[in-house]
Amino acid sequence: MPGPSTELVQQLYRTPPDRFVAARDAAVANARRAGDPSTARQLARLRRPTVAAWLVNLLAIRRPELVADLVELADELRTAQRELRGPRLRELSAQRRAVVGALVAEVRKLAAAEPDAPPAGRLPLAEVEATLNAAFSDAEVAEQVRAGRLLRAASYAGFGEVPRPQLRLVTGDDEEPEEEEERPARRPGAQRARPESATRTDRAAPGTDRAASRKDRAAGRAEQAERAAQRAARAERARQRRALDRELALAQADQKRVEAELIEATGQERDGVAVLDGIEAELAELERRRAVAEQDLSRAKLARRAAERAVTVARRRAGEVEGAIEALAAEEGDADGGAGAAD
């Protein structure tokens, strides 16, 4: 059966490291339930990446076109370094710094968009930058970055590939002297037995001297070329050292800046915590006062209901008394009328 799909592997490697193992184990269980033990075994062999490697994988998966540009530029840079093309190398080195800076900024944006990513202040962006720089110098690292399956951050102690000139030093001691030294040993009586041969050898001596002279000149040119290549390599290393020193100064300045930002952000966080604590204390006091007010309101409602009942009773009693007074007044009127009639 075929192995895990590219989409599944990419989904695992763009999962934050703290949830990678759980996601991988779930994928393994799904493959086993689907009756695909081969895929399950291959998934089980996947290893959790570090946070820095996860950020680089996230970049390769989310923005593959940017990583493709990095790999292409890395190939051009390595070619220029091997061929010692100074102007082109300086141009590509400037492009490298710009590309790495842009990719680190893109990594920061991608991490901010991930809900389970570490806080921005805890992102190992220095390791991400070191890995991207290593991709420019190591084709194998570049391929791992492009594939989006990096397990740990990479670094490169040097700067690019320093070519070693393929020169062969040719001297006049290679073959001809050996023949001249061996001839007397092989043919001790040659001059006595065959004088004509000795005469031909004597006539050939000037040609042998010219050949040795040509070899000496070739050896001298080879030595000069080798020394020139060594000087060029030393000059290139010196230039690279100066470039690294400038980059180090910039990196240290950036470090100071972000450390100052960290201190400021920490102070703001501390102030925010204090404000929040004050608000929570005020809310607790308001809750307490609200409870007291609710109790007072409940008692007031009870008192109002009791007063309403008392008013109702009093009104009813007043009505009854008024009725009694009216009845009594009517009786008194009737009594006064009867007494007048009698008189």
C-alpha atoms as a PDB file:
ATOM      1  CA  MET A   1       0.000   0.000   0.000  1.00  0.00           C
ATOM      2  CA  PRO A   2       1.174   3.556  -0.587  1.00  0.00           C
ATOM      3  CA  GLY A   3       2.565   5.523   2.319  1.00  0.00           C
ATOM      4  CA  PRO A   4       1.001   8.566   3.982  1.00  0.00           C
ATOM      5  CA  SER A   5      -0.125  11.337   1.673  1.00  0.00           C
ATOM      6  CA  THR A   6       1.904  14.504   1.304  1.00  0.00           C
ATOM      7  CA  GLU A   7      -1.026  16.525   2.640  1.00  0.00           C
ATOM      8  CA  LEU A   8      -1.164  14.439   5.828  1.00  0.00           C
ATOM      9  CA  VAL A   9       2.584  14.731   6.424  1.00  0.00           C
ATOM     10  CA  GLN A  10       2.476  18.483   5.839  1.00  0.00           C
ATOM     11  CA  GLN A  11      -0.480  18.750   8.194  1.00  0.00           C
ATOM     12  CA  LEU A  12       1.553  16.996  10.896  1.00  0.00           C
ATOM     13  CA  TYR A  13       4.653  19.119  10.365  1.00  0.00           C
ATOM     14  CA  ARG A  14       2.715  22.363  10.509  1.00  0.00           C
ATOM     15  CA  THR A  15       1.228  21.263  13.842  1.00  0.00           C
ATOM     16  CA  PRO A  16       2.933  23.015  16.808  1.00  0.00           C
ATOM     17  CA  PRO A  17       5.539  20.746  18.455  1.00  0.00           C
ATOM     18  CA  ASP A  18       3.652  20.462  21.750  1.00  0.00           C
ATOM     19  CA  ARG A  19       0.731  18.843  19.885  1.00  0.00           C
ATOM     20  CA  PHE A  20       2.741  16.939  17.264  1.00  0.00           C
ATOM     21  CA  VAL A  21       2.917  13.607  19.125  1.00  0.00           C
ATOM     22  CA  ALA A  22      -0.822  13.538  19.809  1.00  0.00           C
ATOM     23  CA  ALA A  23      -1.629  14.394  16.177  1.00  0.00           C
ATOM     24  CA  ARG A  24       0.823  11.772  14.882  1.00  0.00           C
ATOM     25  CA  ASP A  25      -0.553   9.067  17.194  1.00  0.00           C
ATOM     26  CA  ALA A  26      -4.088   9.909  16.060  1.00  0.00           C
ATOM     27  CA  ALA A  27      -3.010   9.575  12.414  1.00  0.00           C
ATOM     28  CA  VAL A  28      -1.357   6.228  13.192  1.00  0.00           C
ATOM     29  CA  ALA A  29      -4.555   4.998  14.858  1.00  0.00           C
ATOM     30  CA  ASN A  30      -6.638   6.110  11.864  1.00  0.00           C
ATOM     31  CA  ALA A  31      -4.306   4.263   9.469  1.00  0.00           C
ATOM     32  CA  ARG A  32      -4.562   1.082  11.543  1.00  0.00           C
ATOM     33  CA  ARG A  33      -8.348   1.313  11.662  1.00  0.00           C
ATOM     34  CA  ALA A  34      -8.324   1.751   7.877  1.00  0.00           C
ATOM     35  CA  GLY A  35      -6.331  -1.482   7.535  1.00  0.00           C
ATOM     36  CA  ASP A  36      -3.121   0.215   6.326  1.00  0.00           C
ATOM     37  CA  PRO A  37      -0.314  -1.021   8.617  1.00  0.00           C
ATOM     38  CA  SER A  38       2.422   0.204   6.238  1.00  0.00           C
ATOM     39  CA  THR A  39       1.203   3.797   6.437  1.00  0.00           C
ATOM     40  CA  ALA A  40       0.805   3.436  10.197  1.00  0.00           C
ATOM     41  CA  ARG A  41       4.441   2.319  10.557  1.00  0.00           C
ATOM     42  CA  GLN A  42       5.721   5.156   8.394  1.00  0.00           C
ATOM     43  CA  LEU A  43       3.702   7.701  10.349  1.00  0.00           C
ATOM     44  CA  ALA A  44       4.948   6.272  13.643  1.00  0.00           C
ATOM     45  CA  ARG A  45       8.533   6.880  12.510  1.00  0.00           C
ATOM     46  CA  LEU A  46       7.944  10.619  12.085  1.00  0.00           C
ATOM     47  CA  ARG A  47       9.751  12.571  14.794  1.00  0.00           C
ATOM     48  CA  ARG A  48       8.673  15.766  16.523  1.00  0.00           C
ATOM     49  CA  PRO A  49      10.532  18.864  15.301  1.00  0.00           C
ATOM     50  CA  THR A  50      11.933  21.550  17.559  1.00  0.00           C
ATOM     51  CA  VAL A  51      10.149  24.894  17.698  1.00  0.00           C
ATOM     52  CA  ALA A  52      12.725  26.496  15.382  1.00  0.00           C
ATOM     53  CA  ALA A  53      12.468  23.607  12.886  1.00  0.00           C
ATOM     54  CA  TRP A  54       8.667  23.799  13.067  1.00  0.00           C
ATOM     55  CA  LEU A  55       8.796  27.497  12.175  1.00  0.00           C
ATOM     56  CA  VAL A  56      10.999  26.751   9.148  1.00  0.00           C
ATOM     57  CA  ASN A  57       8.656  23.894   8.127  1.00  0.00           C
ATOM     58  CA  LEU A  58       5.693  26.233   8.511  1.00  0.00           C
ATOM     59  CA  LEU A  59       7.393  28.682   6.156  1.00  0.00           C
ATOM     60  CA  ALA A  60       8.095  25.943   3.593  1.00  0.00           C
ATOM     61  CA  ILE A  61       4.516  24.647   3.735  1.00  0.00           C
ATOM     62  CA  ARG A  62       2.676  27.981   3.858  1.00  0.00           C
ATOM     63  CA  ARG A  63       4.958  29.949   1.520  1.00  0.00           C
ATOM     64  CA  PRO A  64       6.727  27.422  -0.737  1.00  0.00           C
ATOM     65  CA  GLU A  65       7.414  30.063  -3.400  1.00  0.00           C
ATOM     66  CA  LEU A  66       9.582  32.036  -0.961  1.00  0.00           C
ATOM     67  CA  VAL A  67      11.583  28.942  -0.019  1.00  0.00           C
ATOM     68  CA  ALA A  68      12.004  28.094  -3.712  1.00  0.00           C
ATOM     69  CA  ASP A  69      13.519  31.542  -4.249  1.00  0.00           C
ATOM     70  CA  LEU A  70      15.885  30.903  -1.333  1.00  0.00           C
ATOM     71  CA  VAL A  71      17.033  27.570  -2.777  1.00  0.00           C
ATOM     72  CA  GLU A  72      17.613  29.116  -6.200  1.00  0.00           C
ATOM     73  CA  LEU A  73      19.591  32.008  -4.743  1.00  0.00           C
ATOM     74  CA  ALA A  74      21.618  29.541  -2.616  1.00  0.00           C
ATOM     75  CA  ASP A  75      22.600  27.600  -5.740  1.00  0.00           C
ATOM     76  CA  GLU A  76      23.742  30.798  -7.458  1.00  0.00           C
ATOM     77  CA  LEU A  77      25.683  31.872  -4.381  1.00  0.00           C
ATOM     78  CA  ARG A  78      27.496  28.554  -4.047  1.00  0.00           C
ATOM     79  CA  THR A  79      28.382  28.637  -7.753  1.00  0.00           C
ATOM     80  CA  ALA A  80      29.792  32.164  -7.421  1.00  0.00           C
ATOM     81  CA  GLN A  81      31.805  31.096  -4.365  1.00  0.00           C
ATOM     82  CA  ARG A  82      33.306  28.120  -6.183  1.00  0.00           C
ATOM     83  CA  GLU A  83      34.241  30.269  -9.168  1.00  0.00           C
ATOM     84  CA  LEU A  84      35.537  33.160  -7.011  1.00  0.00           C
ATOM     85  CA  ARG A  85      33.476  35.741  -8.875  1.00  0.00           C
ATOM     86  CA  GLY A  86      33.909  38.697  -6.537  1.00  0.00           C
ATOM     87  CA  PRO A  87      31.379  41.270  -7.873  1.00  0.00           C
ATOM     88  CA  ARG A  88      28.674  38.653  -8.391  1.00  0.00           C
ATOM     89  CA  LEU A  89      29.417  37.174  -4.965  1.00  0.00           C
ATOM     90  CA  ARG A  90      29.014  40.561  -3.292  1.00  0.00           C
ATOM     91  CA  GLU A  91      25.735  41.127  -5.134  1.00  0.00           C
ATOM     92  CA  LEU A  92      24.383  37.706  -4.151  1.00  0.00           C
ATOM     93  CA  SER A  93      25.545  38.143  -0.548  1.00  0.00           C
ATOM     94  CA  ALA A  94      23.544  41.363  -0.303  1.00  0.00           C
ATOM     95  CA  GLN A  95      20.547  39.535  -1.749  1.00  0.00           C
ATOM     96  CA  ARG A  96      21.062  36.739   0.770  1.00  0.00           C
ATOM     97  CA  ARG A  97      20.882  39.115   3.717  1.00  0.00           C
ATOM     98  CA  ALA A  98      17.751  40.743   2.320  1.00  0.00           C
ATOM     99  CA  VAL A  99      16.081  37.395   1.627  1.00  0.00           C
ATOM    100  CA  VAL A 100      16.894  35.973   5.062  1.00  0.00           C
ATOM    101  CA  GLY A 101      15.580  39.107   6.771  1.00  0.00           C
ATOM    102  CA  ALA A 102      12.351  38.973   4.757  1.00  0.00           C
ATOM    103  CA  LEU A 103      11.879  35.255   5.491  1.00  0.00           C
ATOM    104  CA  VAL A 104      12.394  35.754   9.228  1.00  0.00           C
ATOM    105  CA  ALA A 105       9.772  38.512   9.166  1.00  0.00           C
ATOM    106  CA  GLU A 106       7.418  36.185   7.275  1.00  0.00           C
ATOM    107  CA  VAL A 107       8.016  33.450   9.856  1.00  0.00           C
ATOM    108  CA  ARG A 108       7.045  35.907  12.595  1.00  0.00           C
ATOM    109  CA  LYS A 109       3.780  36.688  10.753  1.00  0.00           C
ATOM    110  CA  LEU A 110       2.972  33.014  10.167  1.00  0.00           C
ATOM    111  CA  ALA A 111       3.584  32.195  13.829  1.00  0.00           C
ATOM    112  CA  ALA A 112       1.326  35.077  14.911  1.00  0.00           C
ATOM    113  CA  ALA A 113      -1.465  33.585  12.784  1.00  0.00           C
ATOM    114  CA  GLU A 114      -1.142  30.164  14.471  1.00  0.00           C
ATOM    115  CA  PRO A 115      -3.451  29.936  17.510  1.00  0.00           C
ATOM    116  CA  ASP A 116      -1.196  27.542  19.446  1.00  0.00           C
ATOM    117  CA  ALA A 117       2.154  29.124  18.554  1.00  0.00           C
ATOM    118  CA  PRO A 118       4.479  30.358  21.342  1.00  0.00           C
ATOM    119  CA  PRO A 119       4.325  34.079  22.202  1.00  0.00           C
ATOM    120  CA  ALA A 120       6.255  36.372  19.875  1.00  0.00           C
ATOM    121  CA  GLY A 121       8.855  37.064  22.573  1.00  0.00           C
ATOM    122  CA  ARG A 122       9.659  33.350  22.912  1.00  0.00           C
ATOM    123  CA  LEU A 123      10.046  32.506  19.215  1.00  0.00           C
ATOM    124  CA  PRO A 124      13.580  31.194  18.458  1.00  0.00           C
ATOM    125  CA  LEU A 125      14.004  33.504  15.481  1.00  0.00           C
ATOM    126  CA  ALA A 126      17.797  33.471  15.850  1.00  0.00           C
ATOM    127  CA  GLU A 127      17.803  29.697  15.235  1.00  0.00           C
ATOM    128  CA  VAL A 128      15.459  30.181  12.282  1.00  0.00           C
ATOM    129  CA  GLU A 129      17.844  32.765  10.810  1.00  0.00           C
ATOM    130  CA  ALA A 130      20.840  30.467  11.390  1.00  0.00           C
ATOM    131  CA  THR A 131      19.037  27.617   9.621  1.00  0.00           C
ATOM    132  CA  LEU A 132      18.196  29.782   6.612  1.00  0.00           C
ATOM    133  CA  ASN A 133      21.810  30.962   6.413  1.00  0.00           C
ATOM    134  CA  ALA A 134      22.977  27.350   6.599  1.00  0.00           C
ATOM    135  CA  ALA A 135      20.734  26.544   3.635  1.00  0.00           C
ATOM    136  CA  PHE A 136      22.784  28.975   1.563  1.00  0.00           C
ATOM    137  CA  SER A 137      25.981  27.073   2.319  1.00  0.00           C
ATOM    138  CA  ASP A 138      24.783  23.460   2.498  1.00  0.00           C
ATOM    139  CA  ALA A 139      22.725  21.989  -0.345  1.00  0.00           C
ATOM    140  CA  GLU A 140      21.465  19.181   1.902  1.00  0.00           C
ATOM    141  CA  VAL A 141      20.116  21.659   4.456  1.00  0.00           C
ATOM    142  CA  ALA A 142      18.526  23.640   1.627  1.00  0.00           C
ATOM    143  CA  GLU A 143      16.723  20.519   0.418  1.00  0.00           C
ATOM    144  CA  GLN A 144      15.465  19.731   3.951  1.00  0.00           C
ATOM    145  CA  VAL A 145      14.192  23.280   4.298  1.00  0.00           C
ATOM    146  CA  ARG A 146      12.451  23.073   0.923  1.00  0.00           C
ATOM    147  CA  ALA A 147      10.793  19.747   1.830  1.00  0.00           C
ATOM    148  CA  GLY A 148       9.337  21.200   5.034  1.00  0.00           C
ATOM    149  CA  ARG A 149      10.382  18.214   7.158  1.00  0.00           C
ATOM    150  CA  LEU A 150      13.193  19.685   9.214  1.00  0.00           C
ATOM    151  CA  LEU A 151      13.578  18.152  12.680  1.00  0.00           C
ATOM    152  CA  ARG A 152      16.020  20.585  14.277  1.00  0.00           C
ATOM    153  CA  ALA A 153      17.665  23.888  13.557  1.00  0.00           C
ATOM    154  CA  ALA A 154      20.862  23.931  11.511  1.00  0.00           C
ATOM    155  CA  SER A 155      23.852  26.217  11.654  1.00  0.00           C
ATOM    156  CA  TYR A 156      26.973  26.826   9.623  1.00  0.00           C
ATOM    157  CA  ALA A 157      30.231  27.825  11.293  1.00  0.00           C
ATOM    158  CA  GLY A 158      31.859  29.131   8.118  1.00  0.00           C
ATOM    159  CA  PHE A 159      30.590  31.246   5.259  1.00  0.00           C
ATOM    160  CA  GLY A 160      29.923  29.469   2.016  1.00  0.00           C
ATOM    161  CA  GLU A 161      32.227  27.118   0.169  1.00  0.00           C
ATOM    162  CA  VAL A 162      35.864  28.128  -0.187  1.00  0.00           C
ATOM    163  CA  PRO A 163      37.113  26.442  -3.353  1.00  0.00           C
ATOM    164  CA  ARG A 164      40.476  24.756  -3.447  1.00  0.00           C
ATOM    165  CA  PRO A 165      42.213  25.167  -6.826  1.00  0.00           C
ATOM    166  CA  GLN A 166      42.712  21.891  -8.663  1.00  0.00           C
ATOM    167  CA  LEU A 167      46.376  22.402  -9.621  1.00  0.00           C
ATOM    168  CA  ARG A 168      49.078  19.782 -10.197  1.00  0.00           C
ATOM    169  CA  LEU A 169      52.649  20.843  -9.510  1.00  0.00           C
ATOM    170  CA  VAL A 170      54.862  19.491 -12.285  1.00  0.00           C
ATOM    171  CA  THR A 171      58.636  19.469 -11.643  1.00  0.00           C
ATOM    172  CA  GLY A 172      61.652  18.409 -13.681  1.00  0.00           C
ATOM    173  CA  ASP A 173      62.270  15.430 -11.391  1.00  0.00           C
ATOM    174  CA  ASP A 174      59.380  13.339 -12.670  1.00  0.00           C
ATOM    175  CA  GLU A 175      60.807  11.095 -15.382  1.00  0.00           C
ATOM    176  CA  GLU A 176      63.857  12.364 -17.249  1.00  0.00           C
ATOM    177  CA  PRO A 177      66.385  12.370 -14.356  1.00  0.00           C
ATOM    178  CA  GLU A 178      65.314   8.835 -13.466  1.00  0.00           C
ATOM    179  CA  GLU A 179      66.101   7.715 -16.989  1.00  0.00           C
ATOM    180  CA  GLU A 180      69.456   9.517 -16.966  1.00  0.00           C
ATOM    181  CA  GLU A 181      70.403   7.926 -13.645  1.00  0.00           C
ATOM    182  CA  GLU A 182      69.237   4.471 -14.693  1.00  0.00           C
ATOM    183  CA  ARG A 183      70.922   4.399 -18.091  1.00  0.00           C
ATOM    184  CA  PRO A 184      74.483   4.025 -16.757  1.00  0.00           C
ATOM    185  CA  ALA A 185      73.316   1.251 -14.421  1.00  0.00           C
ATOM    186  CA  ARG A 186      71.473  -0.642 -17.153  1.00  0.00           C
ATOM    187  CA  ARG A 187      74.173  -0.181 -19.783  1.00  0.00           C
ATOM    188  CA  PRO A 188      77.614   0.154 -18.133  1.00  0.00           C
ATOM    189  CA  GLY A 189      79.537  -0.717 -21.317  1.00  0.00           C
ATOM    190  CA  ALA A 190      77.402   1.140 -23.812  1.00  0.00           C
ATOM    191  CA  GLN A 191      79.985   3.819 -24.646  1.00  0.00           C
ATOM    192  CA  ARG A 192      82.784   1.324 -25.239  1.00  0.00           C
ATOM    193  CA  ALA A 193      80.706  -1.188 -27.223  1.00  0.00           C
ATOM    194  CA  ARG A 194      78.650   1.322 -29.252  1.00  0.00           C
ATOM    195  CA  PRO A 195      80.246   4.715 -29.534  1.00  0.00           C
ATOM    196  CA  GLU A 196      77.730   5.844 -32.169  1.00  0.00           C
ATOM    197  CA  SER A 197      74.963   5.453 -29.586  1.00  0.00           C
ATOM    198  CA  ALA A 198      76.903   7.592 -27.138  1.00  0.00           C
ATOM    199  CA  THR A 199      77.316  10.209 -29.819  1.00  0.00           C
ATOM    200  CA  ARG A 200      73.551  10.240 -30.465  1.00  0.00           C
ATOM    201  CA  THR A 201      72.982  10.591 -26.718  1.00  0.00           C
ATOM    202  CA  ASP A 202      75.309  13.548 -26.591  1.00  0.00           C
ATOM    203  CA  ARG A 203      73.467  15.139 -29.482  1.00  0.00           C
ATOM    204  CA  ALA A 204      70.134  14.541 -27.712  1.00  0.00           C
ATOM    205  CA  ALA A 205      71.279  16.286 -24.503  1.00  0.00           C
ATOM    206  CA  PRO A 206      70.347  19.823 -25.686  1.00  0.00           C
ATOM    207  CA  GLY A 207      66.788  18.637 -26.443  1.00  0.00           C
ATOM    208  CA  THR A 208      66.542  17.096 -22.982  1.00  0.00           C
ATOM    209  CA  ASP A 209      67.715  20.352 -21.418  1.00  0.00           C
ATOM    210  CA  ARG A 210      65.053  22.279 -23.352  1.00  0.00           C
ATOM    211  CA  ALA A 211      62.339  19.868 -22.146  1.00  0.00           C
ATOM    212  CA  ALA A 212      63.532  20.239 -18.554  1.00  0.00           C
ATOM    213  CA  SER A 213      63.509  24.009 -18.978  1.00  0.00           C
ATOM    214  CA  ARG A 214      59.934  23.918 -20.263  1.00  0.00           C
ATOM    215  CA  LYS A 215      58.906  21.782 -17.300  1.00  0.00           C
ATOM    216  CA  ASP A 216      60.600  24.198 -14.915  1.00  0.00           C
ATOM    217  CA  ARG A 217      58.723  27.103 -16.469  1.00  0.00           C
ATOM    218  CA  ALA A 218      55.452  25.159 -16.254  1.00  0.00           C
ATOM    219  CA  ALA A 219      56.174  24.346 -12.634  1.00  0.00           C
ATOM    220  CA  GLY A 220      56.859  28.013 -11.931  1.00  0.00           C
ATOM    221  CA  ARG A 221      53.593  29.047 -13.568  1.00  0.00           C
ATOM    222  CA  ALA A 222      51.719  26.396 -11.583  1.00  0.00           C
ATOM    223  CA  GLU A 223      53.263  27.623  -8.340  1.00  0.00           C
ATOM    224  CA  GLN A 224      52.352  31.206  -9.209  1.00  0.00           C
ATOM    225  CA  ALA A 225      48.788  30.153 -10.018  1.00  0.00           C
ATOM    226  CA  GLU A 226      48.530  28.262  -6.758  1.00  0.00           C
ATOM    227  CA  ARG A 227      49.866  31.233  -4.796  1.00  0.00           C
ATOM    228  CA  ALA A 228      47.437  33.534  -6.627  1.00  0.00           C
ATOM    229  CA  ALA A 229      44.541  31.212  -5.800  1.00  0.00           C
ATOM    230  CA  GLN A 230      45.621  31.103  -2.159  1.00  0.00           C
ATOM    231  CA  ARG A 231      45.827  34.904  -2.053  1.00  0.00           C
ATOM    232  CA  ALA A 232      42.380  35.133  -3.620  1.00  0.00           C
ATOM    233  CA  ALA A 233      41.015  32.651  -1.094  1.00  0.00           C
ATOM    234  CA  ARG A 234      42.574  34.601   1.786  1.00  0.00           C
ATOM    235  CA  ALA A 235      41.193  37.868   0.409  1.00  0.00           C
ATOM    236  CA  GLU A 236      37.757  36.298   0.053  1.00  0.00           C
ATOM    237  CA  ARG A 237      37.866  34.969   3.602  1.00  0.00           C
ATOM    238  CA  ALA A 238      38.920  38.407   4.843  1.00  0.00           C
ATOM    239  CA  ARG A 239      36.060  40.008   2.956  1.00  0.00           C
ATOM    240  CA  GLN A 240      33.663  37.436   4.331  1.00  0.00           C
ATOM    241  CA  ARG A 241      34.996  38.107   7.835  1.00  0.00           C
ATOM    242  CA  ARG A 242      34.355  41.821   7.415  1.00  0.00           C
ATOM    243  CA  ALA A 243      30.871  41.092   6.144  1.00  0.00           C
ATOM    244  CA  LEU A 244      30.232  38.818   9.122  1.00  0.00           C
ATOM    245  CA  ASP A 245      31.547  41.485  11.490  1.00  0.00           C
ATOM    246  CA  ARG A 246      29.082  43.953  10.000  1.00  0.00           C
ATOM    247  CA  GLU A 247      26.290  41.432  10.293  1.00  0.00           C
ATOM    248  CA  LEU A 248      27.287  40.748  13.883  1.00  0.00           C
ATOM    249  CA  ALA A 249      27.152  44.463  14.668  1.00  0.00           C
ATOM    250  CA  LEU A 250      23.704  44.680  13.096  1.00  0.00           C
ATOM    251  CA  ALA A 251      22.559  41.561  14.952  1.00  0.00           C
ATOM    252  CA  GLN A 252      23.830  42.934  18.263  1.00  0.00           C
ATOM    253  CA  ALA A 253      22.069  46.235  17.588  1.00  0.00           C
ATOM    254  CA  ASP A 254      18.868  44.334  16.808  1.00  0.00           C
ATOM    255  CA  GLN A 255      19.349  42.312  19.975  1.00  0.00           C
ATOM    256  CA  LYS A 256      19.656  45.457  22.064  1.00  0.00           C
ATOM    257  CA  ARG A 257      16.609  46.930  20.392  1.00  0.00           C
ATOM    258  CA  VAL A 258      14.422  43.869  20.946  1.00  0.00           C
ATOM    259  CA  GLU A 259      15.701  43.519  24.513  1.00  0.00           C
ATOM    260  CA  ALA A 260      14.637  47.123  25.139  1.00  0.00           C
ATOM    261  CA  GLU A 261      11.283  46.311  23.567  1.00  0.00           C
ATOM    262  CA  LEU A 262      11.047  43.258  25.811  1.00  0.00           C
ATOM    263  CA  ILE A 263      11.744  45.365  28.903  1.00  0.00           C
ATOM    264  CA  GLU A 264       9.132  47.895  27.810  1.00  0.00           C
ATOM    265  CA  ALA A 265       6.600  45.175  27.042  1.00  0.00           C
ATOM    266  CA  THR A 266       7.291  43.546  30.407  1.00  0.00           C
ATOM    267  CA  GLY A 267       6.678  46.858  32.162  1.00  0.00           C
ATOM    268  CA  GLN A 268       3.455  47.360  30.238  1.00  0.00           C
ATOM    269  CA  GLU A 269       2.372  43.851  31.132  1.00  0.00           C
ATOM    270  CA  ARG A 270       3.119  44.525  34.797  1.00  0.00           C
ATOM    271  CA  ASP A 271       1.153  47.782  34.652  1.00  0.00           C
ATOM    272  CA  GLY A 272      -1.722  46.031  32.940  1.00  0.00           C
ATOM    273  CA  VAL A 273      -1.784  43.359  35.642  1.00  0.00           C
ATOM    274  CA  ALA A 274      -1.907  46.057  38.312  1.00  0.00           C
ATOM    275  CA  VAL A 275      -4.765  47.852  36.550  1.00  0.00           C
ATOM    276  CA  LEU A 276      -6.632  44.589  36.143  1.00  0.00           C
ATOM    277  CA  ASP A 277      -6.153  43.762  39.833  1.00  0.00           C
ATOM    278  CA  GLY A 278      -7.533  47.196  40.739  1.00  0.00           C
ATOM    279  CA  ILE A 279     -10.540  46.723  38.477  1.00  0.00           C
ATOM    280  CA  GLU A 280     -11.185  43.280  39.923  1.00  0.00           C
ATOM    281  CA  ALA A 281     -11.036  44.741  43.441  1.00  0.00           C
ATOM    282  CA  GLU A 282     -13.501  47.460  42.427  1.00  0.00           C
ATOM    283  CA  LEU A 283     -15.762  44.832  40.898  1.00  0.00           C
ATOM    284  CA  ALA A 284     -15.642  42.810  44.118  1.00  0.00           C
ATOM    285  CA  GLU A 285     -16.602  45.929  46.119  1.00  0.00           C
ATOM    286  CA  LEU A 286     -19.409  46.704  43.700  1.00  0.00           C
ATOM    287  CA  GLU A 287     -20.662  43.132  43.999  1.00  0.00           C
ATOM    288  CA  ARG A 288     -20.677  43.445  47.767  1.00  0.00           C
ATOM    289  CA  ARG A 289     -22.552  46.760  47.625  1.00  0.00           C
ATOM    290  CA  ARG A 290     -24.966  45.264  45.100  1.00  0.00           C
ATOM    291  CA  ALA A 291     -25.740  42.393  47.473  1.00  0.00           C
ATOM    292  CA  VAL A 292     -26.345  44.857  50.320  1.00  0.00           C
ATOM    293  CA  ALA A 293     -28.553  46.988  48.087  1.00  0.00           C
ATOM    294  CA  GLU A 294     -30.523  43.910  47.010  1.00  0.00           C
ATOM    295  CA  GLN A 295     -31.104  43.012  50.667  1.00  0.00           C
ATOM    296  CA  ASP A 296     -32.218  46.586  51.427  1.00  0.00           C
ATOM    297  CA  LEU A 297     -34.520  46.509  48.417  1.00  0.00           C
ATOM    298  CA  SER A 298     -36.022  43.203  49.540  1.00  0.00           C
ATOM    299  CA  ARG A 299     -36.715  44.599  52.990  1.00  0.00           C
ATOM    300  CA  ALA A 300     -38.218  47.758  51.453  1.00  0.00           C
ATOM    301  CA  LYS A 301     -40.504  45.649  49.277  1.00  0.00           C
ATOM    302  CA  LEU A 302     -41.702  43.704  52.331  1.00  0.00           C
ATOM    303  CA  ALA A 303     -42.314  46.946  54.197  1.00  0.00           C
ATOM    304  CA  ARG A 304     -44.228  48.382  51.221  1.00  0.00           C
ATOM    305  CA  ARG A 305     -46.444  45.310  51.006  1.00  0.00           C
ATOM    306  CA  ALA A 306     -47.154  45.481  54.751  1.00  0.00           C
ATOM    307  CA  ALA A 307     -47.952  49.195  54.451  1.00  0.00           C
ATOM    308  CA  GLU A 308     -50.265  48.521  51.521  1.00  0.00           C
ATOM    309  CA  ARG A 309     -52.132  45.930  53.569  1.00  0.00           C
ATOM    310  CA  ALA A 310     -52.368  48.359  56.498  1.00  0.00           C
ATOM    311  CA  VAL A 311     -53.672  51.095  54.208  1.00  0.00           C
ATOM    312  CA  THR A 312     -56.280  48.725  52.824  1.00  0.00           C
ATOM    313  CA  VAL A 313     -57.406  47.809  56.326  1.00  0.00           C
ATOM    314  CA  ALA A 314     -57.450  51.443  57.413  1.00  0.00           C
ATOM    315  CA  ARG A 315     -59.462  52.496  54.385  1.00  0.00           C
ATOM    316  CA  ARG A 316     -61.937  49.733  54.957  1.00  0.00           C
ATOM    317  CA  ARG A 317     -62.270  50.702  58.608  1.00  0.00           C
ATOM    318  CA  ALA A 318     -62.658  54.362  57.715  1.00  0.00           C
ATOM    319  CA  GLY A 319     -65.417  53.453  55.264  1.00  0.00           C
ATOM    320  CA  GLU A 320     -67.170  51.449  57.893  1.00  0.00           C
ATOM    321  CA  VAL A 321     -66.978  54.310  60.400  1.00  0.00           C
ATOM    322  CA  GLU A 322     -68.223  56.778  57.801  1.00  0.00           C
ATOM    323  CA  GLY A 323     -71.183  54.484  57.091  1.00  0.00           C
ATOM    324  CA  ALA A 324     -71.968  54.251  60.791  1.00  0.00           C
ATOM    325  CA  ILE A 325     -71.796  58.024  61.139  1.00  0.00           C
ATOM    326  CA  GLU A 326     -74.135  58.491  58.168  1.00  0.00           C
ATOM    327  CA  ALA A 327     -76.558  55.948  59.593  1.00  0.00           C
ATOM    328  CA  LEU A 328     -76.475  57.671  62.971  1.00  0.00           C
ATOM    329  CA  ALA A 329     -77.062  61.027  61.348  1.00  0.00           C
ATOM    330  CA  ALA A 330     -80.040  59.645  59.486  1.00  0.00           C
ATOM    331  CA  GLU A 331     -81.514  58.256  62.722  1.00  0.00           C
ATOM    332  CA  GLU A 332     -81.027  61.587  64.432  1.00  0.00           C
ATOM    333  CA  GLY A 333     -82.807  63.337  61.558  1.00  0.00           C
ATOM    334  CA  ASP A 334     -85.715  60.995  61.749  1.00  0.00           C
ATOM    335  CA  ALA A 335     -85.908  61.462  65.511  1.00  0.00           C
ATOM    336  CA  ASP A 336     -85.873  65.264  65.246  1.00  0.00           C
ATOM    337  CA  GLY A 337     -88.679  65.129  62.618  1.00  0.00           C
ATOM    338  CA  GLY A 338     -90.900  63.034  64.808  1.00  0.00           C
ATOM    339  CA  ALA A 339     -90.459  65.341  67.772  1.00  0.00           C
ATOM    340  CA  GLY A 340     -91.428  68.429  65.717  1.00  0.00           C
ATOM    341  CA  ALA A 341     -94.596  66.765  64.502  1.00  0.00           C
ATOM    342  CA  ALA A 342     -95.575  65.912  68.008  1.00  0.00           C
ATOM    343  CA  ASP A 343     -95.306  69.543  69.137  1.00  0.00           C
END
